Amino acid sequence: MWALVLAYGIYYGLTDGVERALVADLVASHARSTAYGWFHTAVGLAALPASLIAGGLWQAWGSAWAFGFGAARSLGAAALLPLAFGARRGG
């Protein structure tokens, strides 16, 4: 259990700052605080249905389905990243 907590802490430490830096890079400096507000609002609003879906899958079919669904959605999102940022970089 402690190894998982440590791994999650490392993950959070490596990604939280990067997400905030990305928000800062995508908006003008005068709109940065509003952008951070919208970013955290979007994260919070996405977390609620994601948690409900994961809980429903876990309760109905077990933990493998819940984690499998999360992994599949993560891979799908990762596959879409080049499309989302390709136009911004001219590619």
PDB file of N, CA and C in Angstrom:
ATOM      1  N   MET A   1       0.818  -1.187   0.000  1.00  0.00           N
ATOM      2  CA  MET A   1       0.000   0.000   0.000  1.00  0.00           C
ATOM      3  C   MET A   1       0.866   1.256   0.000  1.00  0.00           C
ATOM      4  N   TRP A   2       1.922   1.253   0.807  1.00  0.00           N
ATOM      5  CA  TRP A   2       2.786   2.431   0.873  1.00  0.00           C
ATOM      6  C   TRP A   2       3.483   2.682  -0.463  1.00  0.00           C
ATOM      7  N   ALA A   3       3.805   1.613  -1.177  1.00  0.00           N
ATOM      8  CA  ALA A   3       4.440   1.782  -2.486  1.00  0.00           C
ATOM      9  C   ALA A   3       3.486   2.474  -3.458  1.00  0.00           C
ATOM     10  N   LEU A   4       2.203   2.125  -3.396  1.00  0.00           N
ATOM     11  CA  LEU A   4       1.214   2.778  -4.259  1.00  0.00           C
ATOM     12  C   LEU A   4       1.033   4.245  -3.895  1.00  0.00           C
ATOM     13  N   VAL A   5       1.012   4.552  -2.622  1.00  0.00           N
ATOM     14  CA  VAL A   5       0.900   5.944  -2.186  1.00  0.00           C
ATOM     15  C   VAL A   5       2.123   6.731  -2.654  1.00  0.00           C
ATOM     16  N   LEU A   6       3.291   6.145  -2.536  1.00  0.00           N
ATOM     17  CA  LEU A   6       4.511   6.791  -2.996  1.00  0.00           C
ATOM     18  C   LEU A   6       4.471   7.012  -4.513  1.00  0.00           C
ATOM     19  N   ALA A   7       4.046   5.998  -5.253  1.00  0.00           N
ATOM     20  CA  ALA A   7       3.953   6.121  -6.712  1.00  0.00           C
ATOM     21  C   ALA A   7       2.959   7.213  -7.109  1.00  0.00           C
ATOM     22  N   TYR A   8       1.837   7.285  -6.426  1.00  0.00           N
ATOM     23  CA  TYR A   8       0.857   8.328  -6.728  1.00  0.00           C
ATOM     24  C   TYR A   8       1.418   9.708  -6.399  1.00  0.00           C
ATOM     25  N   GLY A   9       2.119   9.817  -5.307  1.00  0.00           N
ATOM     26  CA  GLY A   9       2.737  11.097  -4.953  1.00  0.00           C
ATOM     27  C   GLY A   9       3.752  11.546  -5.994  1.00  0.00           C
ATOM     28  N   ILE A  10       4.533  10.627  -6.491  1.00  0.00           N
ATOM     29  CA  ILE A  10       5.508  10.954  -7.536  1.00  0.00           C
ATOM     30  C   ILE A  10       4.777  11.384  -8.811  1.00  0.00           C
ATOM     31  N   TYR A  11       3.762  10.645  -9.187  1.00  0.00           N
ATOM     32  CA  TYR A  11       2.970  10.992 -10.369  1.00  0.00           C
ATOM     33  C   TYR A  11       2.378  12.396 -10.221  1.00  0.00           C
ATOM     34  N   TYR A  12       1.765  12.670  -9.097  1.00  0.00           N
ATOM     35  CA  TYR A  12       1.132  13.964  -8.862  1.00  0.00           C
ATOM     36  C   TYR A  12       2.172  15.085  -8.892  1.00  0.00           C
ATOM     37  N   GLY A  13       3.300  14.844  -8.284  1.00  0.00           N
ATOM     38  CA  GLY A  13       4.365  15.839  -8.272  1.00  0.00           C
ATOM     39  C   GLY A  13       4.921  16.125  -9.657  1.00  0.00           C
ATOM     40  N   LEU A  14       4.966  15.108 -10.508  1.00  0.00           N
ATOM     41  CA  LEU A  14       5.495  15.293 -11.858  1.00  0.00           C
ATOM     42  C   LEU A  14       4.488  15.932 -12.813  1.00  0.00           C
ATOM     43  N   THR A  15       3.205  15.762 -12.577  1.00  0.00           N
ATOM     44  CA  THR A  15       2.205  16.232 -13.537  1.00  0.00           C
ATOM     45  C   THR A  15       1.513  17.525 -13.144  1.00  0.00           C
ATOM     46  N   ASP A  16       1.363  17.819 -11.882  1.00  0.00           N
ATOM     47  CA  ASP A  16       0.595  18.986 -11.468  1.00  0.00           C
ATOM     48  C   ASP A  16       1.223  20.283 -11.974  1.00  0.00           C
ATOM     49  N   GLY A  17       2.489  20.420 -11.819  1.00  0.00           N
ATOM     50  CA  GLY A  17       3.166  21.620 -12.296  1.00  0.00           C
ATOM     51  C   GLY A  17       3.148  21.747 -13.809  1.00  0.00           C
ATOM     52  N   VAL A  18       3.254  20.626 -14.495  1.00  0.00           N
ATOM     53  CA  VAL A  18       3.233  20.639 -15.957  1.00  0.00           C
ATOM     54  C   VAL A  18       1.866  21.092 -16.470  1.00  0.00           C
ATOM     55  N   GLU A  19       0.792  20.621 -15.836  1.00  0.00           N
ATOM     56  CA  GLU A  19      -0.544  21.042 -16.244  1.00  0.00           C
ATOM     57  C   GLU A  19      -0.718  22.544 -16.065  1.00  0.00           C
ATOM     58  N   ARG A  20      -0.262  23.067 -14.959  1.00  0.00           N
ATOM     59  CA  ARG A  20      -0.383  24.513 -14.706  1.00  0.00           C
ATOM     60  C   ARG A  20       0.487  25.313 -15.666  1.00  0.00           C
ATOM     61  N   ALA A  21       1.649  24.805 -15.995  1.00  0.00           N
ATOM     62  CA  ALA A  21       2.512  25.493 -16.961  1.00  0.00           C
ATOM     63  C   ALA A  21       1.872  25.503 -18.347  1.00  0.00           C
ATOM     64  N   LEU A  22       1.206  24.430 -18.717  1.00  0.00           N
ATOM     65  CA  LEU A  22       0.519  24.383 -20.004  1.00  0.00           C
ATOM     66  C   LEU A  22      -0.591  25.423 -20.063  1.00  0.00           C
ATOM     67  N   VAL A  23      -1.362  25.539 -18.995  1.00  0.00           N
ATOM     68  CA  VAL A  23      -2.410  26.562 -18.944  1.00  0.00           C
ATOM     69  C   VAL A  23      -1.779  27.942 -19.107  1.00  0.00           C
ATOM     70  N   ALA A  24      -0.690  28.189 -18.438  1.00  0.00           N
ATOM     71  CA  ALA A  24      -0.019  29.494 -18.533  1.00  0.00           C
ATOM     72  C   ALA A  24       0.478  29.766 -19.949  1.00  0.00           C
ATOM     73  N   ASP A  25       0.943  28.728 -20.643  1.00  0.00           N
ATOM     74  CA  ASP A  25       1.449  28.900 -22.005  1.00  0.00           C
ATOM     75  C   ASP A  25       0.338  29.145 -23.022  1.00  0.00           C
ATOM     76  N   LEU A  26      -0.858  28.658 -22.735  1.00  0.00           N
ATOM     77  CA  LEU A  26      -1.943  28.738 -23.707  1.00  0.00           C
ATOM     78  C   LEU A  26      -2.730  30.041 -23.658  1.00  0.00           C
ATOM     79  N   VAL A  27      -2.567  30.832 -22.625  1.00  0.00           N
ATOM     80  CA  VAL A  27      -3.366  32.058 -22.498  1.00  0.00           C
ATOM     81  C   VAL A  27      -2.454  33.271 -22.296  1.00  0.00           C
ATOM     82  N   ALA A  28      -3.018  34.436 -22.594  1.00  0.00           N
ATOM     83  CA  ALA A  28      -2.282  35.685 -22.368  1.00  0.00           C
ATOM     84  C   ALA A  28      -2.126  35.910 -20.869  1.00  0.00           C
ATOM     85  N   SER A  29      -1.100  36.654 -20.512  1.00  0.00           N
ATOM     86  CA  SER A  29      -0.806  36.840 -19.089  1.00  0.00           C
ATOM     87  C   SER A  29      -1.930  37.548 -18.339  1.00  0.00           C
ATOM     88  N   HIS A  30      -2.656  38.440 -18.990  1.00  0.00           N
ATOM     89  CA  HIS A  30      -3.731  39.153 -18.295  1.00  0.00           C
ATOM     90  C   HIS A  30      -4.947  38.272 -18.015  1.00  0.00           C
ATOM     91  N   ALA A  31      -5.049  37.111 -18.681  1.00  0.00           N
ATOM     92  CA  ALA A  31      -6.192  36.210 -18.492  1.00  0.00           C
ATOM     93  C   ALA A  31      -5.807  34.945 -17.736  1.00  0.00           C
ATOM     94  N   ARG A  32      -4.630  34.916 -17.192  1.00  0.00           N
ATOM     95  CA  ARG A  32      -4.119  33.685 -16.575  1.00  0.00           C
ATOM     96  C   ARG A  32      -4.939  33.227 -15.372  1.00  0.00           C
ATOM     97  N   SER A  33      -5.319  34.129 -14.493  1.00  0.00           N
ATOM     98  CA  SER A  33      -6.065  33.706 -13.301  1.00  0.00           C
ATOM     99  C   SER A  33      -7.435  33.154 -13.690  1.00  0.00           C
ATOM    100  N   THR A  34      -8.080  33.758 -14.672  1.00  0.00           N
ATOM    101  CA  THR A  34      -9.364  33.235 -15.156  1.00  0.00           C
ATOM    102  C   THR A  34      -9.170  31.860 -15.781  1.00  0.00           C
ATOM    103  N   ALA A  35      -8.089  31.691 -16.535  1.00  0.00           N
ATOM    104  CA  ALA A  35      -7.807  30.398 -17.167  1.00  0.00           C
ATOM    105  C   ALA A  35      -7.585  29.310 -16.122  1.00  0.00           C
ATOM    106  N   TYR A  36      -6.870  29.655 -15.055  1.00  0.00           N
ATOM    107  CA  TYR A  36      -6.675  28.665 -13.989  1.00  0.00           C
ATOM    108  C   TYR A  36      -8.004  28.304 -13.339  1.00  0.00           C
ATOM    109  N   GLY A  37      -8.866  29.278 -13.164  1.00  0.00           N
ATOM    110  CA  GLY A  37     -10.186  28.999 -12.603  1.00  0.00           C
ATOM    111  C   GLY A  37     -10.983  28.059 -13.483  1.00  0.00           C
ATOM    112  N   TRP A  38     -10.993  28.335 -14.787  1.00  0.00           N
ATOM    113  CA  TRP A  38     -11.717  27.452 -15.711  1.00  0.00           C
ATOM    114  C   TRP A  38     -11.083  26.068 -15.788  1.00  0.00           C
ATOM    115  N   PHE A  39      -9.762  26.019 -15.745  1.00  0.00           N
ATOM    116  CA  PHE A  39      -9.068  24.730 -15.774  1.00  0.00           C
ATOM    117  C   PHE A  39      -9.472  23.854 -14.586  1.00  0.00           C
ATOM    118  N   HIS A  40      -9.438  24.424 -13.395  1.00  0.00           N
ATOM    119  CA  HIS A  40      -9.784  23.642 -12.213  1.00  0.00           C
ATOM    120  C   HIS A  40     -11.277  23.337 -12.153  1.00  0.00           C
ATOM    121  N   THR A  41     -12.107  24.220 -12.690  1.00  0.00           N
ATOM    122  CA  THR A  41     -13.534  23.923 -12.795  1.00  0.00           C
ATOM    123  C   THR A  41     -13.766  22.734 -13.719  1.00  0.00           C
ATOM    124  N   ALA A  42     -13.092  22.731 -14.868  1.00  0.00           N
ATOM    125  CA  ALA A  42     -13.242  21.621 -15.819  1.00  0.00           C
ATOM    126  C   ALA A  42     -12.759  20.305 -15.216  1.00  0.00           C
ATOM    127  N   VAL A  43     -11.644  20.350 -14.500  1.00  0.00           N
ATOM    128  CA  VAL A  43     -11.131  19.132 -13.855  1.00  0.00           C
ATOM    129  C   VAL A  43     -12.134  18.613 -12.826  1.00  0.00           C
ATOM    130  N   GLY A  44     -12.672  19.510 -12.025  1.00  0.00           N
ATOM    131  CA  GLY A  44     -13.650  19.102 -11.013  1.00  0.00           C
ATOM    132  C   GLY A  44     -14.929  18.562 -11.619  1.00  0.00           C
ATOM    133  N   LEU A  45     -15.424  19.215 -12.672  1.00  0.00           N
ATOM    134  CA  LEU A  45     -16.658  18.749 -13.318  1.00  0.00           C
ATOM    135  C   LEU A  45     -16.455  17.420 -14.038  1.00  0.00           C
ATOM    136  N   ALA A  46     -15.267  17.188 -14.551  1.00  0.00           N
ATOM    137  CA  ALA A  46     -14.980  15.910 -15.204  1.00  0.00           C
ATOM    138  C   ALA A  46     -14.784  14.795 -14.188  1.00  0.00           C
ATOM    139  N   ALA A  47     -14.284  15.130 -13.004  1.00  0.00           N
ATOM    140  CA  ALA A  47     -14.009  14.110 -11.993  1.00  0.00           C
ATOM    141  C   ALA A  47     -15.296  13.493 -11.443  1.00  0.00           C
ATOM    142  N   LEU A  48     -16.358  14.274 -11.337  1.00  0.00           N
ATOM    143  CA  LEU A  48     -17.596  13.739 -10.773  1.00  0.00           C
ATOM    144  C   LEU A  48     -18.191  12.622 -11.631  1.00  0.00           C
ATOM    145  N   PRO A  49     -18.481  12.844 -12.918  1.00  0.00           N
ATOM    146  CA  PRO A  49     -19.021  11.727 -13.701  1.00  0.00           C
ATOM    147  C   PRO A  49     -18.029  10.577 -13.856  1.00  0.00           C
ATOM    148  N   ALA A  50     -16.734  10.899 -13.928  1.00  0.00           N
ATOM    149  CA  ALA A  50     -15.739   9.834 -14.031  1.00  0.00           C
ATOM    150  C   ALA A  50     -15.779   8.941 -12.798  1.00  0.00           C
ATOM    151  N   SER A  51     -15.925   9.545 -11.633  1.00  0.00           N
ATOM    152  CA  SER A  51     -15.999   8.767 -10.397  1.00  0.00           C
ATOM    153  C   SER A  51     -17.289   7.960 -10.319  1.00  0.00           C
ATOM    154  N   LEU A  52     -18.372   8.538 -10.770  1.00  0.00           N
ATOM    155  CA  LEU A  52     -19.646   7.806 -10.775  1.00  0.00           C
ATOM    156  C   LEU A  52     -19.601   6.615 -11.723  1.00  0.00           C
ATOM    157  N   ILE A  53     -19.035   6.820 -12.905  1.00  0.00           N
ATOM    158  CA  ILE A  53     -18.912   5.713 -13.870  1.00  0.00           C
ATOM    159  C   ILE A  53     -18.004   4.627 -13.317  1.00  0.00           C
ATOM    160  N   ALA A  54     -16.850   5.020 -12.777  1.00  0.00           N
ATOM    161  CA  ALA A  54     -15.924   4.026 -12.221  1.00  0.00           C
ATOM    162  C   ALA A  54     -16.574   3.263 -11.074  1.00  0.00           C
ATOM    163  N   GLY A  55     -17.278   3.968 -10.204  1.00  0.00           N
ATOM    164  CA  GLY A  55     -17.961   3.297  -9.098  1.00  0.00           C
ATOM    165  C   GLY A  55     -19.040   2.341  -9.574  1.00  0.00           C
ATOM    166  N   GLY A  56     -19.793   2.749 -10.586  1.00  0.00           N
ATOM    167  CA  GLY A  56     -20.824   1.876 -11.138  1.00  0.00           C
ATOM    168  C   GLY A  56     -20.239   0.628 -11.779  1.00  0.00           C
ATOM    169  N   LEU A  57     -19.163   0.801 -12.549  1.00  0.00           N
ATOM    170  CA  LEU A  57     -18.504  -0.353 -13.160  1.00  0.00           C
ATOM    171  C   LEU A  57     -17.940  -1.285 -12.100  1.00  0.00           C
ATOM    172  N   TRP A  58     -17.319  -0.722 -11.089  1.00  0.00           N
ATOM    173  CA  TRP A  58     -16.729  -1.530 -10.015  1.00  0.00           C
ATOM    174  C   TRP A  58     -17.813  -2.327  -9.301  1.00  0.00           C
ATOM    175  N   GLN A  59     -18.912  -1.665  -8.992  1.00  0.00           N
ATOM    176  CA  GLN A  59     -19.985  -2.336  -8.267  1.00  0.00           C
ATOM    177  C   GLN A  59     -20.655  -3.409  -9.121  1.00  0.00           C
ATOM    178  N   ALA A  60     -20.832  -3.126 -10.415  1.00  0.00           N
ATOM    179  CA  ALA A  60     -21.538  -4.074 -11.278  1.00  0.00           C
ATOM    180  C   ALA A  60     -20.660  -5.234 -11.733  1.00  0.00           C
ATOM    181  N   TRP A  61     -19.411  -4.939 -12.122  1.00  0.00           N
ATOM    182  CA  TRP A  61     -18.575  -5.971 -12.730  1.00  0.00           C
ATOM    183  C   TRP A  61     -17.213  -6.151 -12.090  1.00  0.00           C
ATOM    184  N   GLY A  62     -16.867  -5.348 -11.109  1.00  0.00           N
ATOM    185  CA  GLY A  62     -15.605  -5.543 -10.412  1.00  0.00           C
ATOM    186  C   GLY A  62     -14.546  -4.518 -10.796  1.00  0.00           C
ATOM    187  N   SER A  63     -13.449  -4.584 -10.075  1.00  0.00           N
ATOM    188  CA  SER A  63     -12.387  -3.593 -10.222  1.00  0.00           C
ATOM    189  C   SER A  63     -11.695  -3.655 -11.582  1.00  0.00           C
ATOM    190  N   ALA A  64     -11.591  -4.833 -12.175  1.00  0.00           N
ATOM    191  CA  ALA A  64     -10.910  -4.949 -13.472  1.00  0.00           C
ATOM    192  C   ALA A  64     -11.622  -4.119 -14.530  1.00  0.00           C
ATOM    193  N   TRP A  65     -12.935  -4.105 -14.521  1.00  0.00           N
ATOM    194  CA  TRP A  65     -13.697  -3.304 -15.482  1.00  0.00           C
ATOM    195  C   TRP A  65     -13.492  -1.818 -15.232  1.00  0.00           C
ATOM    196  N   ALA A  66     -13.507  -1.426 -13.979  1.00  0.00           N
ATOM    197  CA  ALA A  66     -13.337  -0.010 -13.661  1.00  0.00           C
ATOM    198  C   ALA A  66     -11.956   0.486 -14.091  1.00  0.00           C
ATOM    199  N   PHE A  67     -10.915  -0.250 -13.756  1.00  0.00           N
ATOM    200  CA  PHE A  67      -9.568   0.156 -14.139  1.00  0.00           C
ATOM    201  C   PHE A  67      -9.345   0.017 -15.641  1.00  0.00           C
ATOM    202  N   GLY A  68      -9.929  -1.000 -16.253  1.00  0.00           N
ATOM    203  CA  GLY A  68      -9.827  -1.159 -17.705  1.00  0.00           C
ATOM    204  C   GLY A  68     -10.480  -0.017 -18.454  1.00  0.00           C
ATOM    205  N   PHE A  69     -11.645   0.412 -17.981  1.00  0.00           N
ATOM    206  CA  PHE A  69     -12.324   1.546 -18.596  1.00  0.00           C
ATOM    207  C   PHE A  69     -11.482   2.808 -18.466  1.00  0.00           C
ATOM    208  N   GLY A  70     -10.920   3.032 -17.296  1.00  0.00           N
ATOM    209  CA  GLY A  70     -10.064   4.200 -17.095  1.00  0.00           C
ATOM    210  C   GLY A  70      -8.832   4.157 -17.985  1.00  0.00           C
ATOM    211  N   ALA A  71      -8.224   3.000 -18.109  1.00  0.00           N
ATOM    212  CA  ALA A  71      -7.040   2.860 -18.961  1.00  0.00           C
ATOM    213  C   ALA A  71      -7.393   3.098 -20.425  1.00  0.00           C
ATOM    214  N   ALA A  72      -8.525   2.562 -20.872  1.00  0.00           N
ATOM    215  CA  ALA A  72      -8.944   2.759 -22.263  1.00  0.00           C
ATOM    216  C   ALA A  72      -9.210   4.232 -22.552  1.00  0.00           C
ATOM    217  N   ARG A  73      -9.854   4.926 -21.626  1.00  0.00           N
ATOM    218  CA  ARG A  73     -10.130   6.347 -21.818  1.00  0.00           C
ATOM    219  C   ARG A  73      -8.822   7.155 -21.827  1.00  0.00           C
ATOM    220  N   SER A  74      -7.869   6.771 -21.002  1.00  0.00           N
ATOM    221  CA  SER A  74      -6.584   7.465 -20.973  1.00  0.00           C
ATOM    222  C   SER A  74      -5.824   7.281 -22.280  1.00  0.00           C
ATOM    223  N   LEU A  75      -5.841   6.079 -22.805  1.00  0.00           N
ATOM    224  CA  LEU A  75      -5.173   5.828 -24.085  1.00  0.00           C
ATOM    225  C   LEU A  75      -5.848   6.601 -25.211  1.00  0.00           C
ATOM    226  N   GLY A  76      -7.177   6.662 -25.177  1.00  0.00           N
ATOM    227  CA  GLY A  76      -7.897   7.442 -26.180  1.00  0.00           C
ATOM    228  C   GLY A  76      -7.549   8.921 -26.111  1.00  0.00           C
ATOM    229  N   ALA A  77      -7.476   9.455 -24.903  1.00  0.00           N
ATOM    230  CA  ALA A  77      -7.113  10.861 -24.735  1.00  0.00           C
ATOM    231  C   ALA A  77      -5.684  11.112 -25.201  1.00  0.00           C
ATOM    232  N   ALA A  78      -4.779  10.202 -24.898  1.00  0.00           N
ATOM    233  CA  ALA A  78      -3.393  10.359 -25.335  1.00  0.00           C
ATOM    234  C   ALA A  78      -3.289  10.332 -26.853  1.00  0.00           C
ATOM    235  N   ALA A  79      -4.113   9.512 -27.490  1.00  0.00           N
ATOM    236  CA  ALA A  79      -4.108   9.443 -28.950  1.00  0.00           C
ATOM    237  C   ALA A  79      -4.622  10.737 -29.577  1.00  0.00           C
ATOM    238  N   LEU A  80      -5.486  11.456 -28.891  1.00  0.00           N
ATOM    239  CA  LEU A  80      -6.035  12.708 -29.421  1.00  0.00           C
ATOM    240  C   LEU A  80      -5.143  13.927 -29.192  1.00  0.00           C
ATOM    241  N   LEU A  81      -4.164  13.823 -28.321  1.00  0.00           N
ATOM    242  CA  LEU A  81      -3.294  14.970 -28.029  1.00  0.00           C
ATOM    243  C   LEU A  81      -2.618  15.552 -29.272  1.00  0.00           C
ATOM    244  N   PRO A  82      -2.069  14.744 -30.165  1.00  0.00           N
ATOM    245  CA  PRO A  82      -1.459  15.347 -31.362  1.00  0.00           C
ATOM    246  C   PRO A  82      -2.464  16.138 -32.197  1.00  0.00           C
ATOM    247  N   LEU A  83      -3.694  15.701 -32.238  1.00  0.00           N
ATOM    248  CA  LEU A  83      -4.711  16.444 -32.978  1.00  0.00           C
ATOM    249  C   LEU A  83      -5.022  17.777 -32.317  1.00  0.00           C
ATOM    250  N   ALA A  84      -5.074  17.785 -31.000  1.00  0.00           N
ATOM    251  CA  ALA A  84      -5.414  18.995 -30.268  1.00  0.00           C
ATOM    252  C   ALA A  84      -4.327  20.046 -30.365  1.00  0.00           C
ATOM    253  N   PHE A  85      -3.079  19.650 -30.349  1.00  0.00           N
ATOM    254  CA  PHE A  85      -1.993  20.615 -30.320  1.00  0.00           C
ATOM    255  C   PHE A  85      -1.255  20.707 -31.648  1.00  0.00           C
ATOM    256  N   GLY A  86      -1.598  19.875 -32.629  1.00  0.00           N
ATOM    257  CA  GLY A  86      -0.953  19.943 -33.948  1.00  0.00           C
ATOM    258  C   GLY A  86      -1.265  21.243 -34.660  1.00  0.00           C
ATOM    259  N   ALA A  87      -2.519  21.716 -34.580  1.00  0.00           N
ATOM    260  CA  ALA A  87      -2.912  22.942 -35.265  1.00  0.00           C
ATOM    261  C   ALA A  87      -2.213  24.148 -34.630  1.00  0.00           C
ATOM    262  N   ARG A  88      -2.010  24.113 -33.332  1.00  0.00           N
ATOM    263  CA  ARG A  88      -1.362  25.232 -32.630  1.00  0.00           C
ATOM    264  C   ARG A  88       0.100  25.385 -33.042  1.00  0.00           C
ATOM    265  N   ARG A  89       0.741  24.287 -33.333  1.00  0.00           N
ATOM    266  CA  ARG A  89       2.173  24.330 -33.671  1.00  0.00           C
ATOM    267  C   ARG A  89       2.408  24.351 -35.170  1.00  0.00           C
ATOM    268  N   GLY A  90       1.315  24.377 -35.934  1.00  0.00           N
ATOM    269  CA  GLY A  90       1.471  24.450 -37.371  1.00  0.00           C
ATOM    270  C   GLY A  90       1.653  23.108 -38.036  1.00  0.00           C
ATOM    271  N   GLY A  91       1.420  22.021 -37.288  1.00  0.00           N
ATOM    272  CA  GLY A  91       1.645  20.696 -37.841  1.00  0.00           C
ATOM    273  C   GLY A  91       0.402  20.021 -38.076  1.00  0.00           C
TER     274      GLY A  91
END
